[in-house]
Amino acid sequence: MVFKDRTTAGRLLAAQLTAYATRKDVIVLALPRGGVPVAFEVARRINAPLDVFLVRKLGVPGHEELAMGAIASGGLRVLNDGVVQMFDLSQDVIDRVAAKEQRELERRERLYRDDRPFPILRKQTVILVDDGLATGTTMRAAVMALLQQQPARLVVAVPVSSLAAYQEIQALVDEVVCLDTPEPFYSVGLWYQDFPQTSDAEVRDLLKRASDNNQQSMVSG
């Protein structure tokens, strides 16, 4: 399955999440930036609020697309031990990359959230959305951080995933909703016809539109 773009993928994904529609205990969280257009469609179609959860991949120096780990809001750090050992990465190298990504994470927190308080997730059903899973390292960091918030149910929803990442995440959460697990996988972008980088401006616009939609729904409801 090759998706036209993230918007189309989000609509198809939402069709598999109708059991969560119009429930008061459901919130959709997107992993910026690429997960936001997908999550926007999910939230809109199941009539749930949308917010973001910040995670930054820790790329291997010189091979930045390859994740040696990830950091998440709240200071959690997750490492991919196999990649760390493969490249013989020192703690100093890991710390330098993590410090750089922490600064970017904090910048995006300020830019996307506009000082809005993070939603209370305890006893809520959280649907965590991204545009796809390759190694699953970034999603694993997000999941581990969110589990500390004690949600009633944690669902990971992605249009496409490698089989290994799917199985790893499935073991950590209550449910994984995924439309396809093609093998060989290679990268998320291969499974989209149109896969541009999502801009900060697009993230802010989609979050504002989602907030407006949610407020209108509350008024009409």
N, C-alpha and C. Protein backbone atom coordinates (compact mmCIF):
# COMPACT_ATOMS: atom_id res chain seq x y z
N MET A 1 0.85 -1.20 0.00
CA MET A 1 0.00 0.00 0.00
C MET A 1 0.88 1.24 0.00
N VAL A 2 0.73 2.10 -1.02
CA VAL A 2 1.44 3.37 -1.10
C VAL A 2 0.40 4.48 -0.98
N PHE A 3 0.60 5.38 -0.02
CA PHE A 3 -0.37 6.44 0.24
C PHE A 3 -0.08 7.66 -0.63
N LYS A 4 -1.13 8.36 -1.02
CA LYS A 4 -0.95 9.57 -1.83
C LYS A 4 -0.16 10.62 -1.04
N ASP A 5 -0.57 10.87 0.20
CA ASP A 5 0.10 11.85 1.06
C ASP A 5 -0.34 11.60 2.49
N ARG A 6 0.14 12.41 3.42
CA ARG A 6 -0.18 12.20 4.83
C ARG A 6 -1.66 12.43 5.12
N THR A 7 -2.28 13.38 4.43
CA THR A 7 -3.70 13.65 4.64
C THR A 7 -4.54 12.44 4.28
N THR A 8 -4.26 11.85 3.13
CA THR A 8 -4.98 10.66 2.71
C THR A 8 -4.74 9.51 3.68
N ALA A 9 -3.51 9.36 4.11
CA ALA A 9 -3.19 8.29 5.07
C ALA A 9 -3.96 8.49 6.36
N GLY A 10 -4.08 9.75 6.81
CA GLY A 10 -4.82 10.03 8.03
C GLY A 10 -6.28 9.66 7.92
N ARG A 11 -6.86 9.93 6.78
CA ARG A 11 -8.28 9.60 6.57
C ARG A 11 -8.49 8.09 6.59
N LEU A 12 -7.59 7.36 5.95
CA LEU A 12 -7.70 5.91 5.94
C LEU A 12 -7.49 5.33 7.33
N LEU A 13 -6.56 5.92 8.06
CA LEU A 13 -6.29 5.46 9.42
C LEU A 13 -7.49 5.73 10.34
N ALA A 14 -8.11 6.89 10.17
CA ALA A 14 -9.26 7.25 10.99
C ALA A 14 -10.40 6.25 10.82
N ALA A 15 -10.52 5.70 9.62
CA ALA A 15 -11.59 4.73 9.36
C ALA A 15 -11.43 3.46 10.19
N GLN A 16 -10.20 3.22 10.67
CA GLN A 16 -9.96 2.05 11.52
C GLN A 16 -10.06 2.37 13.01
N LEU A 17 -10.41 3.62 13.33
CA LEU A 17 -10.45 4.06 14.71
C LEU A 17 -11.84 4.54 15.13
N THR A 18 -12.85 4.13 14.40
CA THR A 18 -14.21 4.62 14.67
C THR A 18 -14.73 4.18 16.03
N ALA A 19 -14.16 3.14 16.62
CA ALA A 19 -14.59 2.71 17.95
C ALA A 19 -14.31 3.78 19.00
N TYR A 20 -13.42 4.71 18.68
CA TYR A 20 -13.06 5.76 19.63
C TYR A 20 -13.76 7.09 19.32
N ALA A 21 -14.65 7.10 18.36
CA ALA A 21 -15.29 8.34 17.92
C ALA A 21 -16.25 8.89 18.98
N THR A 22 -16.23 10.24 19.09
CA THR A 22 -17.15 11.01 19.94
C THR A 22 -17.13 10.60 21.41
N ARG A 23 -16.04 10.00 21.86
CA ARG A 23 -15.91 9.66 23.27
C ARG A 23 -15.23 10.81 24.01
N LYS A 24 -15.71 11.09 25.21
CA LYS A 24 -15.19 12.22 25.98
C LYS A 24 -13.83 11.94 26.60
N ASP A 25 -13.44 10.65 26.66
CA ASP A 25 -12.19 10.30 27.33
C ASP A 25 -11.03 10.11 26.36
N VAL A 26 -11.22 10.48 25.10
CA VAL A 26 -10.21 10.23 24.07
C VAL A 26 -9.49 11.52 23.69
N ILE A 27 -8.17 11.44 23.57
CA ILE A 27 -7.37 12.54 23.05
C ILE A 27 -6.38 11.97 22.04
N VAL A 28 -6.18 12.71 20.95
CA VAL A 28 -5.21 12.32 19.93
C VAL A 28 -3.95 13.14 20.12
N LEU A 29 -2.82 12.46 20.21
CA LEU A 29 -1.52 13.13 20.31
C LEU A 29 -0.70 12.80 19.06
N ALA A 30 -0.12 13.84 18.48
CA ALA A 30 0.69 13.66 17.27
C ALA A 30 2.17 13.81 17.59
N LEU A 31 3.00 13.05 16.90
CA LEU A 31 4.44 13.25 16.97
C LEU A 31 4.82 14.22 15.86
N PRO A 32 5.26 15.44 16.23
CA PRO A 32 5.66 16.41 15.19
C PRO A 32 6.98 15.98 14.56
N ARG A 33 7.22 16.40 13.31
CA ARG A 33 6.23 17.20 12.60
C ARG A 33 5.36 16.35 11.68
N GLY A 34 5.93 15.28 11.14
CA GLY A 34 5.21 14.51 10.12
C GLY A 34 3.94 13.85 10.59
N GLY A 35 3.84 13.58 11.89
CA GLY A 35 2.63 12.94 12.39
C GLY A 35 1.44 13.85 12.52
N VAL A 36 1.67 15.17 12.48
CA VAL A 36 0.58 16.12 12.72
C VAL A 36 -0.47 16.10 11.60
N PRO A 37 -0.09 16.13 10.31
CA PRO A 37 -1.13 16.07 9.28
C PRO A 37 -1.95 14.78 9.32
N VAL A 38 -1.31 13.68 9.69
CA VAL A 38 -2.03 12.41 9.82
C VAL A 38 -2.99 12.48 11.00
N ALA A 39 -2.49 12.94 12.14
CA ALA A 39 -3.29 13.01 13.36
C ALA A 39 -4.43 14.01 13.23
N PHE A 40 -4.22 15.08 12.47
CA PHE A 40 -5.29 16.07 12.28
C PHE A 40 -6.52 15.40 11.67
N GLU A 41 -6.30 14.57 10.66
CA GLU A 41 -7.42 13.89 10.01
C GLU A 41 -8.07 12.88 10.96
N VAL A 42 -7.25 12.19 11.74
CA VAL A 42 -7.80 11.24 12.71
C VAL A 42 -8.67 11.97 13.73
N ALA A 43 -8.13 13.03 14.33
CA ALA A 43 -8.87 13.77 15.35
C ALA A 43 -10.16 14.35 14.80
N ARG A 44 -10.08 14.90 13.59
CA ARG A 44 -11.26 15.53 12.99
C ARG A 44 -12.36 14.50 12.74
N ARG A 45 -11.97 13.33 12.29
CA ARG A 45 -12.98 12.34 11.89
C ARG A 45 -13.53 11.53 13.05
N ILE A 46 -12.80 11.46 14.16
CA ILE A 46 -13.36 10.77 15.32
C ILE A 46 -13.84 11.78 16.37
N ASN A 47 -13.76 13.07 16.01
CA ASN A 47 -14.26 14.14 16.87
C ASN A 47 -13.58 14.14 18.24
N ALA A 48 -12.25 14.19 18.21
CA ALA A 48 -11.46 14.19 19.44
C ALA A 48 -10.49 15.37 19.43
N PRO A 49 -10.11 15.87 20.59
CA PRO A 49 -9.11 16.94 20.63
C PRO A 49 -7.74 16.46 20.16
N LEU A 50 -6.98 17.40 19.61
CA LEU A 50 -5.64 17.09 19.09
C LEU A 50 -4.60 17.92 19.82
N ASP A 51 -3.50 17.28 20.17
CA ASP A 51 -2.36 17.98 20.75
C ASP A 51 -1.10 17.30 20.23
N VAL A 52 0.05 17.83 20.64
CA VAL A 52 1.32 17.25 20.19
C VAL A 52 2.12 16.75 21.39
N PHE A 53 2.94 15.74 21.12
CA PHE A 53 3.87 15.24 22.11
C PHE A 53 5.25 15.23 21.47
N LEU A 54 6.16 15.96 22.08
CA LEU A 54 7.46 16.22 21.46
C LEU A 54 8.46 15.11 21.73
N VAL A 55 9.01 14.59 20.66
CA VAL A 55 10.06 13.59 20.70
C VAL A 55 11.09 13.96 19.64
N ARG A 56 12.36 13.79 19.95
CA ARG A 56 13.42 14.07 18.98
C ARG A 56 14.30 12.83 18.81
N LYS A 57 14.49 12.44 17.57
CA LYS A 57 15.38 11.33 17.26
C LYS A 57 16.82 11.75 17.51
N LEU A 58 17.63 10.84 18.02
CA LEU A 58 19.06 11.06 18.16
C LEU A 58 19.75 10.34 17.00
N GLY A 59 20.14 11.10 15.98
CA GLY A 59 20.75 10.51 14.80
C GLY A 59 22.22 10.21 15.01
N VAL A 60 22.69 9.14 14.38
CA VAL A 60 24.11 8.79 14.42
C VAL A 60 24.90 9.86 13.65
N PRO A 61 25.92 10.45 14.25
CA PRO A 61 26.72 11.45 13.53
C PRO A 61 27.25 10.92 12.20
N GLY A 62 26.97 11.66 11.13
CA GLY A 62 27.37 11.22 9.80
C GLY A 62 26.34 10.33 9.14
N HIS A 63 25.40 9.81 9.92
CA HIS A 63 24.31 8.96 9.40
C HIS A 63 23.03 9.36 10.13
N GLU A 64 22.69 10.65 10.02
CA GLU A 64 21.66 11.23 10.88
C GLU A 64 20.28 10.59 10.73
N GLU A 65 20.02 9.97 9.58
CA GLU A 65 18.71 9.33 9.40
C GLU A 65 18.58 8.06 10.24
N LEU A 66 19.70 7.52 10.68
CA LEU A 66 19.70 6.30 11.49
C LEU A 66 19.62 6.68 12.96
N ALA A 67 18.61 6.19 13.65
CA ALA A 67 18.38 6.57 15.04
C ALA A 67 19.20 5.71 15.99
N MET A 68 20.02 6.37 16.82
CA MET A 68 20.70 5.65 17.89
C MET A 68 19.90 5.75 19.19
N GLY A 69 18.84 6.57 19.15
CA GLY A 69 17.99 6.74 20.31
C GLY A 69 17.02 7.88 20.09
N ALA A 70 16.39 8.31 21.17
CA ALA A 70 15.43 9.42 21.09
C ALA A 70 15.25 10.01 22.48
N ILE A 71 14.82 11.27 22.50
CA ILE A 71 14.46 11.93 23.75
C ILE A 71 13.02 12.41 23.63
N ALA A 72 12.36 12.54 24.78
CA ALA A 72 10.96 12.97 24.80
C ALA A 72 10.76 14.05 25.84
N SER A 73 9.66 14.77 25.72
CA SER A 73 9.29 15.76 26.72
C SER A 73 9.33 15.13 28.10
N GLY A 74 9.87 15.87 29.06
CA GLY A 74 9.99 15.35 30.40
C GLY A 74 11.35 14.79 30.71
N GLY A 75 12.26 14.80 29.71
CA GLY A 75 13.64 14.41 29.95
C GLY A 75 13.95 12.94 29.74
N LEU A 76 12.99 12.15 29.25
CA LEU A 76 13.25 10.73 29.04
C LEU A 76 14.17 10.53 27.84
N ARG A 77 15.15 9.62 27.97
CA ARG A 77 16.04 9.26 26.88
C ARG A 77 16.00 7.75 26.68
N VAL A 78 15.82 7.32 25.44
CA VAL A 78 15.82 5.91 25.08
C VAL A 78 16.91 5.69 24.05
N LEU A 79 17.73 4.65 24.24
CA LEU A 79 18.81 4.35 23.31
C LEU A 79 18.55 3.03 22.58
N ASN A 80 18.97 3.00 21.32
CA ASN A 80 18.93 1.78 20.53
C ASN A 80 20.29 1.11 20.70
N ASP A 81 20.34 0.16 21.61
CA ASP A 81 21.63 -0.44 21.99
C ASP A 81 22.34 -1.09 20.81
N GLY A 82 21.58 -1.68 19.90
CA GLY A 82 22.18 -2.32 18.74
C GLY A 82 22.94 -1.33 17.87
N VAL A 83 22.32 -0.16 17.64
CA VAL A 83 22.97 0.87 16.82
C VAL A 83 24.16 1.47 17.55
N VAL A 84 24.03 1.70 18.85
CA VAL A 84 25.13 2.25 19.64
C VAL A 84 26.34 1.33 19.57
N GLN A 85 26.11 0.04 19.69
CA GLN A 85 27.21 -0.94 19.65
C GLN A 85 27.78 -1.06 18.24
N MET A 86 26.93 -1.02 17.22
CA MET A 86 27.38 -1.16 15.84
C MET A 86 28.37 -0.07 15.47
N PHE A 87 28.08 1.17 15.92
CA PHE A 87 28.93 2.30 15.57
C PHE A 87 29.93 2.64 16.69
N ASP A 88 29.94 1.83 17.74
CA ASP A 88 30.86 2.04 18.86
C ASP A 88 30.78 3.49 19.35
N LEU A 89 29.57 3.96 19.63
CA LEU A 89 29.34 5.35 20.01
C LEU A 89 29.64 5.55 21.50
N SER A 90 30.44 6.55 21.79
CA SER A 90 30.81 6.84 23.18
C SER A 90 29.69 7.61 23.86
N GLN A 91 29.73 7.62 25.19
CA GLN A 91 28.75 8.38 25.96
C GLN A 91 28.85 9.86 25.65
N ASP A 92 30.07 10.35 25.41
CA ASP A 92 30.27 11.76 25.11
C ASP A 92 29.57 12.14 23.80
N VAL A 93 29.68 11.29 22.80
CA VAL A 93 29.03 11.54 21.51
C VAL A 93 27.51 11.55 21.69
N ILE A 94 27.01 10.58 22.42
CA ILE A 94 25.57 10.49 22.66
C ILE A 94 25.08 11.73 23.39
N ASP A 95 25.83 12.17 24.41
CA ASP A 95 25.42 13.34 25.20
C ASP A 95 25.42 14.61 24.36
N ARG A 96 26.39 14.76 23.45
CA ARG A 96 26.45 15.95 22.60
C ARG A 96 25.25 16.01 21.66
N VAL A 97 24.94 14.88 21.05
CA VAL A 97 23.78 14.83 20.15
C VAL A 97 22.49 15.08 20.94
N ALA A 98 22.39 14.48 22.13
CA ALA A 98 21.19 14.64 22.95
C ALA A 98 21.00 16.10 23.38
N ALA A 99 22.09 16.79 23.71
CA ALA A 99 21.99 18.19 24.13
C ALA A 99 21.49 19.06 22.98
N LYS A 100 21.99 18.80 21.78
CA LYS A 100 21.55 19.55 20.61
C LYS A 100 20.06 19.32 20.35
N GLU A 101 19.64 18.07 20.42
CA GLU A 101 18.25 17.76 20.14
C GLU A 101 17.33 18.26 21.25
N GLN A 102 17.84 18.33 22.48
CA GLN A 102 17.05 18.86 23.59
C GLN A 102 16.73 20.32 23.36
N ARG A 103 17.69 21.07 22.83
CA ARG A 103 17.45 22.49 22.53
C ARG A 103 16.36 22.63 21.46
N GLU A 104 16.40 21.76 20.45
CA GLU A 104 15.39 21.82 19.40
C GLU A 104 14.03 21.39 19.94
N LEU A 105 14.02 20.40 20.82
CA LEU A 105 12.75 19.97 21.42
C LEU A 105 12.11 21.11 22.20
N GLU A 106 12.91 21.80 22.97
CA GLU A 106 12.39 22.92 23.77
C GLU A 106 11.92 24.06 22.88
N ARG A 107 12.62 24.31 21.77
CA ARG A 107 12.19 25.35 20.82
C ARG A 107 10.81 25.01 20.26
N ARG A 108 10.64 23.76 19.89
CA ARG A 108 9.36 23.36 19.31
C ARG A 108 8.24 23.37 20.35
N GLU A 109 8.57 23.01 21.58
CA GLU A 109 7.57 23.10 22.65
C GLU A 109 7.01 24.52 22.72
N ARG A 110 7.89 25.50 22.72
CA ARG A 110 7.46 26.90 22.79
C ARG A 110 6.69 27.30 21.55
N LEU A 111 7.17 26.87 20.39
CA LEU A 111 6.56 27.27 19.12
C LEU A 111 5.18 26.65 18.92
N TYR A 112 5.04 25.39 19.22
CA TYR A 112 3.80 24.68 18.94
C TYR A 112 2.74 24.87 20.02
N ARG A 113 3.18 24.96 21.26
CA ARG A 113 2.21 24.94 22.35
C ARG A 113 1.80 26.32 22.80
N ASP A 114 2.60 27.36 22.50
CA ASP A 114 2.24 28.72 22.90
C ASP A 114 1.91 28.80 24.39
N ASP A 115 2.70 28.09 25.19
CA ASP A 115 2.53 28.11 26.66
C ASP A 115 1.22 27.47 27.12
N ARG A 116 0.52 26.78 26.23
CA ARG A 116 -0.68 26.05 26.67
C ARG A 116 -0.26 24.91 27.59
N PRO A 117 -1.01 24.66 28.64
CA PRO A 117 -0.67 23.54 29.51
C PRO A 117 -0.86 22.21 28.80
N PHE A 118 -0.01 21.26 29.11
CA PHE A 118 -0.15 19.94 28.51
C PHE A 118 -1.39 19.27 29.09
N PRO A 119 -2.17 18.59 28.26
CA PRO A 119 -3.41 17.97 28.76
C PRO A 119 -3.13 16.89 29.81
N ILE A 120 -4.06 16.75 30.72
CA ILE A 120 -3.97 15.69 31.74
C ILE A 120 -4.38 14.37 31.08
N LEU A 121 -3.49 13.40 31.12
CA LEU A 121 -3.72 12.14 30.41
C LEU A 121 -4.12 11.00 31.34
N ARG A 122 -3.99 11.21 32.63
CA ARG A 122 -4.34 10.16 33.59
C ARG A 122 -5.78 9.72 33.40
N LYS A 123 -5.98 8.42 33.24
CA LYS A 123 -7.29 7.78 33.07
C LYS A 123 -7.96 8.16 31.74
N GLN A 124 -7.20 8.73 30.81
CA GLN A 124 -7.72 9.03 29.48
C GLN A 124 -7.28 7.96 28.48
N THR A 125 -7.98 7.89 27.37
CA THR A 125 -7.56 7.03 26.27
C THR A 125 -6.76 7.89 25.29
N VAL A 126 -5.51 7.55 25.12
CA VAL A 126 -4.60 8.34 24.28
C VAL A 126 -4.33 7.58 22.98
N ILE A 127 -4.57 8.27 21.86
CA ILE A 127 -4.23 7.72 20.54
C ILE A 127 -3.02 8.48 20.04
N LEU A 128 -1.89 7.82 19.98
CA LEU A 128 -0.62 8.42 19.62
C LEU A 128 -0.34 8.14 18.15
N VAL A 129 -0.17 9.21 17.35
CA VAL A 129 -0.14 9.08 15.89
C VAL A 129 1.19 9.58 15.32
N ASP A 130 1.72 8.84 14.35
CA ASP A 130 2.85 9.31 13.54
C ASP A 130 2.58 8.89 12.10
N ASP A 131 3.43 9.38 11.18
CA ASP A 131 3.21 9.04 9.77
C ASP A 131 3.79 7.69 9.39
N GLY A 132 4.51 7.05 10.29
CA GLY A 132 5.05 5.73 10.03
C GLY A 132 6.13 5.37 11.02
N LEU A 133 6.46 4.07 11.08
CA LEU A 133 7.52 3.58 11.97
C LEU A 133 8.56 2.83 11.15
N ALA A 134 9.81 3.24 11.28
CA ALA A 134 10.91 2.52 10.64
C ALA A 134 11.60 1.66 11.69
N THR A 135 12.47 2.27 12.50
CA THR A 135 13.09 1.53 13.60
C THR A 135 12.17 1.47 14.82
N GLY A 136 11.27 2.45 14.96
CA GLY A 136 10.39 2.50 16.11
C GLY A 136 11.00 3.16 17.33
N THR A 137 12.24 3.62 17.22
CA THR A 137 12.94 4.18 18.39
C THR A 137 12.24 5.43 18.91
N THR A 138 11.86 6.33 18.00
CA THR A 138 11.20 7.57 18.41
C THR A 138 9.86 7.27 19.07
N MET A 139 9.09 6.38 18.47
CA MET A 139 7.80 6.02 19.04
C MET A 139 7.98 5.35 20.39
N ARG A 140 8.99 4.51 20.53
CA ARG A 140 9.22 3.84 21.81
C ARG A 140 9.50 4.86 22.91
N ALA A 141 10.27 5.90 22.60
CA ALA A 141 10.54 6.95 23.58
C ALA A 141 9.25 7.65 23.98
N ALA A 142 8.42 7.95 22.99
CA ALA A 142 7.14 8.61 23.27
C ALA A 142 6.25 7.73 24.13
N VAL A 143 6.17 6.46 23.80
CA VAL A 143 5.33 5.53 24.55
C VAL A 143 5.78 5.43 26.00
N MET A 144 7.08 5.28 26.21
CA MET A 144 7.59 5.12 27.57
C MET A 144 7.34 6.38 28.40
N ALA A 145 7.47 7.54 27.76
CA ALA A 145 7.21 8.79 28.46
C ALA A 145 5.72 8.93 28.79
N LEU A 146 4.86 8.58 27.84
CA LEU A 146 3.42 8.72 28.06
C LEU A 146 2.90 7.72 29.09
N LEU A 147 3.48 6.55 29.15
CA LEU A 147 3.03 5.57 30.14
C LEU A 147 3.23 6.10 31.56
N GLN A 148 4.19 6.98 31.74
CA GLN A 148 4.40 7.58 33.05
C GLN A 148 3.24 8.49 33.45
N GLN A 149 2.44 8.91 32.44
CA GLN A 149 1.28 9.76 32.72
C GLN A 149 0.05 8.94 33.14
N GLN A 150 0.17 7.62 33.10
CA GLN A 150 -0.88 6.69 33.55
C GLN A 150 -2.20 6.85 32.80
N PRO A 151 -2.17 6.80 31.47
CA PRO A 151 -3.44 6.81 30.74
C PRO A 151 -4.20 5.51 30.98
N ALA A 152 -5.51 5.57 30.80
CA ALA A 152 -6.32 4.36 30.95
C ALA A 152 -6.01 3.37 29.82
N ARG A 153 -5.75 3.91 28.63
CA ARG A 153 -5.47 3.08 27.46
C ARG A 153 -4.56 3.86 26.52
N LEU A 154 -3.55 3.22 26.00
CA LEU A 154 -2.63 3.86 25.06
C LEU A 154 -2.66 3.10 23.74
N VAL A 155 -3.06 3.82 22.70
CA VAL A 155 -3.18 3.24 21.36
C VAL A 155 -2.18 3.95 20.45
N VAL A 156 -1.38 3.19 19.73
CA VAL A 156 -0.48 3.76 18.72
C VAL A 156 -1.13 3.52 17.36
N ALA A 157 -1.24 4.60 16.57
CA ALA A 157 -1.88 4.51 15.26
C ALA A 157 -0.95 5.10 14.20
N VAL A 158 -0.60 4.29 13.21
CA VAL A 158 0.27 4.72 12.12
C VAL A 158 -0.21 4.10 10.81
N PRO A 159 -0.04 4.80 9.70
CA PRO A 159 -0.43 4.21 8.42
C PRO A 159 0.44 3.02 8.02
N VAL A 160 1.75 3.09 8.32
CA VAL A 160 2.67 2.07 7.82
C VAL A 160 3.79 1.87 8.82
N SER A 161 4.32 0.65 8.88
CA SER A 161 5.38 0.34 9.83
C SER A 161 6.18 -0.85 9.33
N SER A 162 7.46 -0.87 9.72
CA SER A 162 8.22 -2.10 9.53
C SER A 162 7.65 -3.14 10.48
N LEU A 163 7.78 -4.40 10.13
CA LEU A 163 7.23 -5.47 10.96
C LEU A 163 7.91 -5.50 12.33
N ALA A 164 9.22 -5.28 12.35
CA ALA A 164 9.96 -5.32 13.62
C ALA A 164 9.50 -4.22 14.56
N ALA A 165 9.32 -3.01 14.03
CA ALA A 165 8.87 -1.90 14.86
C ALA A 165 7.44 -2.14 15.34
N TYR A 166 6.60 -2.64 14.47
CA TYR A 166 5.22 -2.95 14.83
C TYR A 166 5.18 -3.92 16.01
N GLN A 167 5.97 -4.97 15.93
CA GLN A 167 5.95 -5.98 16.98
C GLN A 167 6.52 -5.43 18.29
N GLU A 168 7.55 -4.59 18.19
CA GLU A 168 8.14 -4.01 19.39
C GLU A 168 7.15 -3.09 20.10
N ILE A 169 6.50 -2.22 19.34
CA ILE A 169 5.54 -1.28 19.94
C ILE A 169 4.31 -2.01 20.44
N GLN A 170 3.89 -3.02 19.73
CA GLN A 170 2.71 -3.80 20.13
C GLN A 170 2.89 -4.40 21.53
N ALA A 171 4.11 -4.73 21.87
CA ALA A 171 4.38 -5.34 23.18
C ALA A 171 4.33 -4.31 24.32
N LEU A 172 4.32 -3.02 23.97
CA LEU A 172 4.39 -1.97 24.98
C LEU A 172 3.06 -1.29 25.27
N VAL A 173 2.12 -1.33 24.31
CA VAL A 173 0.89 -0.56 24.43
C VAL A 173 -0.33 -1.47 24.41
N ASP A 174 -1.50 -0.87 24.59
CA ASP A 174 -2.73 -1.65 24.61
C ASP A 174 -3.16 -2.09 23.21
N GLU A 175 -2.87 -1.26 22.21
CA GLU A 175 -3.30 -1.57 20.85
C GLU A 175 -2.44 -0.81 19.85
N VAL A 176 -2.13 -1.46 18.74
CA VAL A 176 -1.48 -0.80 17.61
C VAL A 176 -2.42 -0.92 16.42
N VAL A 177 -2.76 0.23 15.82
CA VAL A 177 -3.56 0.24 14.59
C VAL A 177 -2.63 0.66 13.47
N CYS A 178 -2.41 -0.23 12.53
CA CYS A 178 -1.48 0.01 11.42
C CYS A 178 -2.08 -0.57 10.15
N LEU A 179 -2.06 0.21 9.08
CA LEU A 179 -2.70 -0.21 7.83
C LEU A 179 -1.85 -1.18 7.03
N ASP A 180 -0.53 -1.12 7.17
CA ASP A 180 0.33 -2.00 6.37
C ASP A 180 1.69 -2.15 7.03
N THR A 181 2.25 -3.36 6.93
CA THR A 181 3.61 -3.64 7.42
C THR A 181 4.42 -4.28 6.29
N PRO A 182 4.76 -3.51 5.25
CA PRO A 182 5.46 -4.08 4.10
C PRO A 182 6.89 -4.47 4.43
N GLU A 183 7.36 -5.51 3.79
CA GLU A 183 8.75 -5.93 3.92
C GLU A 183 9.30 -6.25 2.53
N PRO A 184 10.54 -5.83 2.21
CA PRO A 184 11.42 -5.02 3.06
C PRO A 184 10.89 -3.60 3.18
N PHE A 185 11.23 -2.93 4.27
CA PHE A 185 10.62 -1.65 4.58
C PHE A 185 11.45 -0.46 4.11
N TYR A 186 12.72 -0.41 4.46
CA TYR A 186 13.68 0.64 4.13
C TYR A 186 13.39 1.96 4.84
N SER A 187 12.36 2.70 4.42
CA SER A 187 12.08 3.99 5.07
C SER A 187 10.61 4.34 4.91
N VAL A 188 10.12 5.21 5.81
CA VAL A 188 8.71 5.61 5.78
C VAL A 188 8.35 6.31 4.47
N GLY A 189 9.23 7.20 3.99
CA GLY A 189 8.94 7.99 2.80
C GLY A 189 8.68 7.18 1.55
N LEU A 190 9.20 5.97 1.48
CA LEU A 190 8.98 5.12 0.30
C LEU A 190 7.52 4.73 0.13
N TRP A 191 6.75 4.83 1.18
CA TRP A 191 5.36 4.36 1.14
C TRP A 191 4.37 5.51 0.96
N TYR A 192 4.90 6.66 0.55
CA TYR A 192 4.09 7.83 0.21
C TYR A 192 4.49 8.35 -1.17
N GLN A 193 3.50 8.70 -1.99
CA GLN A 193 3.81 9.34 -3.27
C GLN A 193 4.34 10.75 -3.05
N ASP A 194 3.73 11.46 -2.11
CA ASP A 194 4.10 12.85 -1.81
C ASP A 194 4.47 12.91 -0.33
N PHE A 195 5.76 13.16 -0.04
CA PHE A 195 6.24 13.08 1.34
C PHE A 195 7.17 14.25 1.66
N PRO A 196 6.66 15.49 1.54
CA PRO A 196 7.51 16.65 1.85
C PRO A 196 7.70 16.79 3.35
N GLN A 197 8.73 17.53 3.72
CA GLN A 197 8.93 17.82 5.13
C GLN A 197 7.81 18.73 5.62
N THR A 198 7.22 18.38 6.74
CA THR A 198 6.17 19.21 7.33
C THR A 198 6.82 20.41 8.02
N SER A 199 6.32 21.61 7.74
CA SER A 199 6.93 22.83 8.29
C SER A 199 6.35 23.15 9.65
N ASP A 200 7.08 23.99 10.40
CA ASP A 200 6.57 24.48 11.68
C ASP A 200 5.26 25.24 11.48
N ALA A 201 5.19 26.02 10.40
CA ALA A 201 3.98 26.80 10.13
C ALA A 201 2.78 25.88 9.90
N GLU A 202 2.99 24.78 9.20
CA GLU A 202 1.90 23.83 8.95
C GLU A 202 1.45 23.19 10.26
N VAL A 203 2.40 22.84 11.11
CA VAL A 203 2.04 22.26 12.41
C VAL A 203 1.18 23.23 13.21
N ARG A 204 1.61 24.49 13.30
CA ARG A 204 0.86 25.49 14.05
C ARG A 204 -0.53 25.70 13.47
N ASP A 205 -0.61 25.74 12.15
CA ASP A 205 -1.91 25.95 11.48
C ASP A 205 -2.85 24.78 11.77
N LEU A 206 -2.36 23.55 11.67
CA LEU A 206 -3.21 22.39 11.90
C LEU A 206 -3.66 22.31 13.35
N LEU A 207 -2.78 22.64 14.28
CA LEU A 207 -3.17 22.62 15.68
C LEU A 207 -4.24 23.67 15.98
N LYS A 208 -4.11 24.84 15.35
CA LYS A 208 -5.11 25.89 15.54
C LYS A 208 -6.45 25.46 14.94
N ARG A 209 -6.42 24.90 13.74
CA ARG A 209 -7.65 24.44 13.09
C ARG A 209 -8.32 23.35 13.92
N ALA A 210 -7.51 22.44 14.47
CA ALA A 210 -8.06 21.36 15.30
C ALA A 210 -8.71 21.93 16.56
N SER A 211 -8.06 22.92 17.16
CA SER A 211 -8.62 23.56 18.36
C SER A 211 -9.94 24.25 18.05
N ASP A 212 -9.98 24.96 16.91
CA ASP A 212 -11.22 25.63 16.50
C ASP A 212 -12.33 24.62 16.25
N ASN A 213 -11.98 23.51 15.57
CA ASN A 213 -12.97 22.46 15.29
C ASN A 213 -13.52 21.87 16.58
N ASN A 214 -12.63 21.64 17.54
CA ASN A 214 -13.04 21.03 18.80
C ASN A 214 -13.95 21.97 19.59
N GLN A 215 -13.63 23.26 19.58
CA GLN A 215 -14.47 24.23 20.29
C GLN A 215 -15.85 24.33 19.66
N GLN A 216 -15.90 24.31 18.32
CA GLN A 216 -17.19 24.35 17.63
C GLN A 216 -18.01 23.11 17.94
N SER A 217 -17.33 21.96 18.02
CA SER A 217 -18.02 20.73 18.32
C SER A 217 -18.59 20.74 19.74
N MET A 218 -17.84 21.32 20.67
CA MET A 218 -18.32 21.40 22.05
C MET A 218 -19.54 22.30 22.15
N VAL A 219 -19.52 23.41 21.39
CA VAL A 219 -20.65 24.34 21.41
C VAL A 219 -21.90 23.69 20.82
N SER A 220 -21.71 23.02 19.65
CA SER A 220 -22.84 22.41 18.98
C SER A 220 -23.36 21.19 19.73
N GLY A 221 -22.41 20.55 20.48
CA GLY A 221 -22.84 19.38 21.24
C GLY A 221 -23.59 19.73 22.50
